[in-house]
Amino acid sequence: MMSGANDVSNSDTPLRATFKINLNGKTVSIGTVGQAYRFITNLSSVEWIEFKSLHADAVRTLQGAADNAMLTVQATTALRALFVRAKLL
């Protein structure tokens, strides 16, 4: 079992989809649990406040997927819901 956020942010476990997000004129590709975790936790919490429950769900499911690759479907679904609601996709 992974012990902390650093382990989650370094996870190479692939998601079930690769998300391509345009951010500040650049395309960011998110295809692993670690990339997704870093993306949604490195932004200020104020930026996610409007989507607090979706953000919390995505963080929780990414943490689970870092420990258990069988949970990548749930993590991918949670990320998709967050990104769609935040109009990033």
Protein backbone atom coordinates (compact mmCIF):
# COMPACT_ATOMS: atom_id res chain seq x y z
CA MET A 1 0.00 0.00 0.00
CA MET A 2 1.27 3.48 -0.85
CA SER A 3 1.98 5.61 2.15
CA GLY A 4 1.51 9.22 1.11
CA ALA A 5 0.71 11.91 -1.40
CA ASN A 6 4.26 11.80 -2.77
CA ASP A 7 3.77 8.14 -3.68
CA VAL A 8 0.47 8.94 -5.40
CA SER A 9 2.00 11.82 -7.34
CA ASN A 10 4.76 9.50 -8.58
CA SER A 11 2.40 6.69 -9.63
CA ASP A 12 2.85 5.47 -13.21
CA THR A 13 -0.41 3.52 -13.14
CA PRO A 14 -2.16 4.32 -16.43
CA LEU A 15 -5.65 5.77 -16.42
CA ARG A 16 -8.31 4.28 -18.72
CA ALA A 17 -8.13 7.42 -20.91
CA THR A 18 -5.62 10.14 -21.66
CA PHE A 19 -7.01 13.61 -21.07
CA LYS A 20 -5.77 16.48 -23.25
CA ILE A 21 -6.43 19.78 -21.53
CA ASN A 22 -5.72 23.26 -22.88
CA LEU A 23 -4.33 25.37 -20.09
CA ASN A 24 -2.89 28.84 -20.62
CA GLY A 25 -2.47 28.18 -24.34
CA LYS A 26 -0.63 24.90 -23.85
CA THR A 27 -1.95 21.36 -24.17
CA VAL A 28 -1.38 19.24 -21.09
CA SER A 29 -1.61 15.46 -21.47
CA ILE A 30 -2.75 13.48 -18.44
CA GLY A 31 -2.49 9.72 -18.80
CA THR A 32 -1.33 8.36 -15.44
CA VAL A 33 -2.56 8.46 -11.87
CA GLY A 34 0.50 10.49 -10.87
CA GLN A 35 0.06 13.08 -13.63
CA ALA A 36 -3.62 13.51 -12.75
CA TYR A 37 -2.94 13.74 -9.02
CA ARG A 38 -0.24 16.37 -9.53
CA PHE A 39 -2.50 18.36 -11.87
CA ILE A 40 -5.49 18.51 -9.53
CA THR A 41 -3.47 19.02 -6.34
CA ASN A 42 -0.90 21.56 -7.61
CA LEU A 43 -3.55 24.10 -8.54
CA SER A 44 -4.72 26.30 -5.71
CA SER A 45 -7.59 24.93 -3.65
CA VAL A 46 -9.39 28.21 -4.38
CA GLU A 47 -9.41 27.26 -8.07
CA TRP A 48 -11.26 24.03 -7.25
CA ILE A 49 -13.60 25.43 -4.55
CA GLU A 50 -16.57 25.57 -6.93
CA PHE A 51 -16.07 21.87 -7.63
CA LYS A 52 -15.17 20.84 -4.08
CA SER A 53 -17.03 17.52 -3.93
CA LEU A 54 -15.95 16.46 -7.44
CA HIS A 55 -12.36 17.45 -6.63
CA ALA A 56 -12.40 15.51 -3.36
CA ASP A 57 -13.84 12.46 -5.13
CA ALA A 58 -11.14 12.63 -7.83
CA VAL A 59 -8.36 12.96 -5.24
CA ARG A 60 -9.76 10.04 -3.23
CA THR A 61 -10.13 7.75 -6.25
CA LEU A 62 -6.65 8.61 -7.54
CA GLN A 63 -5.21 7.73 -4.14
CA GLY A 64 -7.05 4.42 -4.31
CA ALA A 65 -5.88 3.74 -7.87
CA ALA A 66 -2.27 4.38 -6.87
CA ASP A 67 -2.66 1.49 -4.40
CA ASN A 68 -4.84 -0.72 -6.59
CA ALA A 69 -4.81 -0.51 -10.40
CA MET A 70 -8.28 -2.11 -10.47
CA LEU A 71 -9.61 1.29 -9.33
CA THR A 72 -8.40 3.19 -12.41
CA VAL A 73 -11.86 3.00 -13.99
CA GLN A 74 -13.38 4.84 -11.01
CA ALA A 75 -10.50 7.34 -10.97
CA THR A 76 -10.86 8.01 -14.70
CA THR A 77 -14.61 8.52 -14.31
CA ALA A 78 -14.12 10.89 -11.37
CA LEU A 79 -11.52 12.91 -13.30
CA ARG A 80 -13.76 13.10 -16.36
CA ALA A 81 -16.65 14.40 -14.23
CA LEU A 82 -14.39 17.03 -12.62
CA PHE A 83 -12.83 18.14 -15.90
CA VAL A 84 -16.17 18.35 -17.73
CA ARG A 85 -17.81 20.32 -14.91
CA ALA A 86 -14.79 22.66 -14.77
CA LYS A 87 -15.05 23.04 -18.58
CA LEU A 88 -11.51 21.76 -19.09
CA LEU A 89 -12.68 19.10 -21.59
